[in-house]
Amino acid sequence: MPTSNRFSTLLVIAFAVSLCAGRDAIAEEIDDSHGDPLDSAPAQVDDDGLMLKAGEFAWLPGSDANPGAPVTMLISLRDQRGYLYRDGRRIAVTTVSTGRPGHDTPVGVFPILSKEKMHHSSRYENAPMPWMQRLTEWGHALHAGNVRPTPASHGCVRLPAEFARQLYLLTRPGDLVVIAQDPSPRSLAIARADDQIAQMVGVTEPLPHIVFIQPGQQLSTDGTSEVSDTAVTGL
């Protein structure tokens, strides 16, 4: 082969290698902006998912049963975990990052209001929110993001990118997301869940009756009923 042709061939090869490397770098940067590119589903996990590392998630045995039934999501603020249920059975567990101090994620029972594959925040510098599922009119949502071991968001619930995508394909507007301090019956009651919703997230025992009072308000009775309620202030 003539020297000039050989030199031209080497230039083409070098250009192709650098182009591929550049595409890989760009792809990694894009993935990192949407969440941890290393988020994954480990082969085995306990049902509570407490051994999962930040950015990991797992589908549990039997998760493919009755695929057309609605799903319900339970977010545990204490554990920084999300639990997905179908027919009252836990089918998946994921790590999450909820709101950091000063940007607390609200507790409550929230129907999914709307969904958008790629949303950009109108509050926080047009930040990308892939696989967004809106929970409140203020803007709290489930979406893909950088999942850390501790609360880190501005109030939304960040999910591992791949789990956010898979969850997006399963849910429908109106499906419920329950956000509570932990999965206990008391915390579910404080989140204003009822017994029916509790059963949807695997809790079969009756929830305690919670009396919500405002700061400074006195809890009183009319003498006609026994008071065994738990009073919660300032919710």
Protein backbone atom coordinates (compact mmCIF):
# COMPACT_ATOMS: atom_id res chain seq x y z
CA MET A 1 0.00 0.00 0.00
CA PRO A 2 1.41 3.48 -0.86
CA THR A 3 2.55 5.54 2.10
CA SER A 4 -0.06 8.29 1.51
CA ASN A 5 -2.94 5.80 1.43
CA ARG A 6 -1.68 4.07 4.57
CA PHE A 7 -1.45 7.42 6.36
CA SER A 8 -5.01 8.31 5.29
CA THR A 9 -6.31 4.98 6.60
CA LEU A 10 -4.63 5.55 9.97
CA LEU A 11 -6.23 9.00 10.20
CA VAL A 12 -9.70 7.56 9.51
CA ILE A 13 -9.22 4.87 12.17
CA ALA A 14 -7.98 7.40 14.73
CA PHE A 15 -10.94 9.69 14.00
CA ALA A 16 -13.44 6.83 14.39
CA VAL A 17 -11.93 5.79 17.73
CA SER A 18 -12.03 9.35 19.07
CA LEU A 19 -15.62 9.79 17.85
CA CYS A 20 -16.75 6.63 19.67
CA ALA A 21 -14.95 7.71 22.82
CA GLY A 22 -16.60 11.11 22.64
CA ARG A 23 -20.05 9.58 22.25
CA ASP A 24 -19.44 7.34 25.26
CA ALA A 25 -18.40 10.33 27.36
CA ILE A 26 -21.45 12.33 26.28
CA ALA A 27 -23.76 9.40 27.01
CA GLU A 28 -22.28 8.98 30.49
CA GLU A 29 -22.69 12.69 31.20
CA ILE A 30 -26.34 12.59 30.11
CA ASP A 31 -27.02 9.49 32.19
CA ASP A 32 -25.39 11.12 35.23
CA SER A 33 -27.63 14.16 34.91
CA HIS A 34 -30.68 11.90 35.08
CA GLY A 35 -29.42 9.61 37.81
CA ASP A 36 -26.59 7.30 38.68
CA PRO A 37 -25.47 5.43 35.52
CA LEU A 38 -24.58 2.52 37.82
CA ASP A 39 -28.08 2.11 39.27
CA SER A 40 -28.97 -1.55 39.02
CA ALA A 41 -31.10 -4.41 40.23
CA PRO A 42 -29.15 -6.89 42.38
CA ALA A 43 -29.83 -10.58 41.83
CA GLN A 44 -31.04 -11.21 45.40
CA VAL A 45 -32.42 -8.89 48.05
CA ASP A 46 -34.43 -9.04 51.24
CA ASP A 47 -38.03 -7.87 50.95
CA ASP A 48 -37.31 -4.70 52.93
CA GLY A 49 -34.35 -3.84 50.71
CA LEU A 50 -32.29 -2.54 53.61
CA MET A 51 -29.12 -4.08 52.18
CA LEU A 52 -29.50 -2.18 48.92
CA LYS A 53 -26.92 0.50 48.16
CA ALA A 54 -27.99 3.95 47.02
CA GLY A 55 -29.11 3.73 43.40
CA GLU A 56 -30.10 0.06 43.56
CA PHE A 57 -33.53 -1.54 43.28
CA ALA A 58 -34.95 -5.04 42.99
CA TRP A 59 -38.03 -6.77 41.65
CA LEU A 60 -39.26 -9.47 43.99
CA PRO A 61 -40.45 -13.01 43.13
CA GLY A 62 -43.98 -12.98 41.75
CA SER A 63 -43.74 -9.41 40.51
CA ASP A 64 -45.14 -10.45 37.12
CA ALA A 65 -48.41 -11.82 38.57
CA ASN A 66 -51.64 -10.11 37.47
CA PRO A 67 -49.80 -7.49 35.41
CA GLY A 68 -52.93 -5.52 34.50
CA ALA A 69 -53.87 -4.70 38.10
CA PRO A 70 -53.19 -1.21 39.53
CA VAL A 71 -50.04 -0.64 41.57
CA THR A 72 -49.54 1.39 44.75
CA MET A 73 -46.26 2.93 45.89
CA LEU A 74 -45.24 3.38 49.54
CA ILE A 75 -42.36 5.77 50.31
CA SER A 76 -40.66 5.41 53.71
CA LEU A 77 -38.95 8.67 54.65
CA ARG A 78 -37.11 7.07 57.56
CA ASP A 79 -35.64 4.25 55.50
CA GLN A 80 -35.21 6.13 52.21
CA ARG A 81 -36.91 3.23 50.48
CA GLY A 82 -39.81 2.86 48.11
CA TYR A 83 -42.02 -0.23 48.07
CA LEU A 84 -44.26 -1.11 45.14
CA TYR A 85 -47.38 -3.19 45.68
CA ARG A 86 -49.93 -4.93 43.53
CA ASP A 87 -53.03 -6.53 45.08
CA GLY A 88 -51.54 -5.88 48.52
CA ARG A 89 -48.39 -7.82 47.71
CA ARG A 90 -44.96 -6.21 47.63
CA ILE A 91 -43.46 -6.68 44.17
CA ALA A 92 -40.45 -4.33 44.16
CA VAL A 93 -38.21 -2.33 46.47
CA THR A 94 -36.00 0.60 45.56
CA THR A 95 -33.70 3.12 47.16
CA VAL A 96 -34.92 6.73 47.00
CA SER A 97 -33.80 10.22 47.93
CA THR A 98 -36.50 12.45 49.41
CA GLY A 99 -36.41 16.11 50.43
CA ARG A 100 -33.50 17.40 52.48
CA PRO A 101 -34.09 19.56 55.59
CA GLY A 102 -35.87 22.75 54.60
CA HIS A 103 -37.31 21.05 51.51
CA ASP A 104 -39.23 18.27 53.22
CA THR A 105 -41.21 15.79 51.17
CA PRO A 106 -44.82 15.97 52.39
CA VAL A 107 -46.51 12.97 54.00
CA GLY A 108 -49.89 11.92 52.71
CA VAL A 109 -51.78 9.86 50.16
CA PHE A 110 -51.31 11.23 46.67
CA PRO A 111 -52.90 10.08 43.42
CA ILE A 112 -50.66 10.43 40.38
CA LEU A 113 -51.95 13.60 38.73
CA SER A 114 -50.00 13.51 35.48
CA LYS A 115 -47.02 11.89 33.80
CA GLU A 116 -44.32 13.17 31.47
CA LYS A 117 -41.34 11.27 30.05
CA MET A 118 -39.11 14.34 30.23
CA HIS A 119 -40.15 17.28 32.35
CA HIS A 120 -38.10 20.33 33.28
CA SER A 121 -38.57 22.06 36.61
CA SER A 122 -40.17 25.50 36.51
CA ARG A 123 -38.86 26.19 40.04
CA TYR A 124 -35.26 25.01 40.00
CA GLU A 125 -33.34 26.32 36.97
CA ASN A 126 -35.05 24.14 34.40
CA ALA A 127 -33.61 21.01 36.05
CA PRO A 128 -34.41 17.80 34.13
CA MET A 129 -36.94 15.43 35.72
CA PRO A 130 -37.04 12.29 33.54
CA TRP A 131 -39.96 9.87 33.90
CA MET A 132 -41.82 12.44 35.99
CA GLN A 133 -45.05 11.49 37.80
CA ARG A 134 -46.62 14.52 39.48
CA LEU A 135 -48.13 14.09 42.95
CA THR A 136 -49.05 17.64 44.04
CA GLU A 137 -50.05 20.89 42.37
CA TRP A 138 -47.01 22.52 43.99
CA GLY A 139 -44.80 20.22 41.94
CA HIS A 140 -43.76 17.31 44.17
CA ALA A 141 -43.20 14.29 41.96
CA LEU A 142 -41.55 10.94 41.47
CA HIS A 143 -38.76 11.14 38.92
CA ALA A 144 -35.35 9.77 37.99
CA GLY A 145 -32.46 11.45 39.75
CA ASN A 146 -29.24 11.09 41.66
CA VAL A 147 -30.13 8.76 44.55
CA ARG A 148 -27.93 9.28 47.59
CA PRO A 149 -27.90 7.43 50.93
CA THR A 150 -29.63 10.37 52.65
CA PRO A 151 -32.39 12.89 51.78
CA ALA A 152 -31.03 15.15 49.05
CA SER A 153 -33.82 16.57 46.88
CA HIS A 154 -35.83 19.79 46.87
CA GLY A 155 -38.90 17.82 47.97
CA CYS A 156 -39.44 15.37 45.15
CA VAL A 157 -38.82 11.64 45.44
CA ARG A 158 -35.77 10.71 43.36
CA LEU A 159 -35.67 7.19 41.94
CA PRO A 160 -32.90 5.19 40.25
CA ALA A 161 -33.13 6.01 36.55
CA GLU A 162 -33.96 2.51 35.30
CA PHE A 163 -36.51 1.87 38.04
CA ALA A 164 -38.14 5.24 37.31
CA ARG A 165 -38.51 4.20 33.67
CA GLN A 166 -39.97 0.79 34.54
CA LEU A 167 -42.34 2.28 37.11
CA TYR A 168 -43.51 4.88 34.61
CA LEU A 169 -44.55 2.10 32.23
CA LEU A 170 -46.60 0.39 34.97
CA THR A 171 -48.53 3.24 36.52
CA ARG A 172 -51.61 5.13 35.42
CA PRO A 173 -52.95 8.51 36.52
CA GLY A 174 -54.94 7.96 39.68
CA ASP A 175 -52.69 5.22 41.06
CA LEU A 176 -51.79 6.03 44.65
CA VAL A 177 -48.45 6.97 46.19
CA VAL A 178 -48.39 6.87 50.00
CA ILE A 179 -45.60 8.88 51.65
CA ALA A 180 -45.14 8.15 55.34
CA GLN A 181 -42.44 8.38 57.97
CA ASP A 182 -42.20 4.59 57.98
CA PRO A 183 -44.42 1.61 57.06
CA SER A 184 -45.97 1.26 60.54
CA PRO A 185 -49.76 1.45 61.00
CA ARG A 186 -49.37 4.62 63.09
CA SER A 187 -47.33 6.40 60.42
CA LEU A 188 -49.80 5.35 57.73
CA ALA A 189 -52.63 6.79 59.83
CA ILE A 190 -50.72 10.05 60.29
CA ALA A 191 -50.33 10.14 56.49
CA ARG A 192 -54.16 9.99 56.42
CA ALA A 193 -54.36 6.55 54.90
CA ASP A 194 -57.43 4.47 55.77
CA ASP A 195 -57.68 0.73 56.32
CA GLN A 196 -58.38 0.07 52.64
CA ILE A 197 -55.30 1.99 51.50
CA ALA A 198 -53.25 0.29 54.22
CA GLN A 199 -54.23 -3.09 52.82
CA MET A 200 -53.07 -1.93 49.38
CA VAL A 201 -49.56 -1.54 50.85
CA GLY A 202 -49.59 -4.84 52.72
CA VAL A 203 -50.81 -3.72 56.17
CA THR A 204 -53.74 -5.86 57.29
CA GLU A 205 -54.18 -4.73 60.89
CA PRO A 206 -56.58 -1.83 61.58
CA LEU A 207 -54.96 1.59 61.71
CA PRO A 208 -55.11 3.60 64.94
CA HIS A 209 -57.49 6.53 64.99
CA ILE A 210 -55.54 9.79 64.80
CA VAL A 211 -56.95 13.12 65.97
CA PHE A 212 -55.34 16.05 64.15
CA ILE A 213 -55.21 19.29 66.13
CA GLN A 214 -53.72 22.67 65.36
CA PRO A 215 -50.94 24.18 67.54
CA GLY A 216 -52.52 25.62 70.66
CA GLN A 217 -55.82 23.83 70.14
CA GLN A 218 -57.15 21.90 73.13
CA LEU A 219 -58.22 18.28 72.78
CA SER A 220 -61.52 17.90 74.63
CA THR A 221 -64.33 15.37 74.93
CA ASP A 222 -68.02 15.68 75.53
CA GLY A 223 -68.00 12.83 78.03
CA THR A 224 -69.93 10.51 75.75
CA SER A 225 -67.01 8.51 74.44
CA GLU A 226 -63.78 7.13 75.72
CA VAL A 227 -60.72 8.99 74.47
CA SER A 228 -58.05 6.55 73.33
CA ASP A 229 -56.98 8.46 70.23
CA THR A 230 -53.48 9.60 69.39
CA ALA A 231 -53.31 13.36 69.06
CA VAL A 232 -50.99 14.74 66.39
CA THR A 233 -50.14 18.43 66.42
CA GLY A 234 -49.26 20.68 63.54
CA LEU A 235 -49.89 18.37 60.57
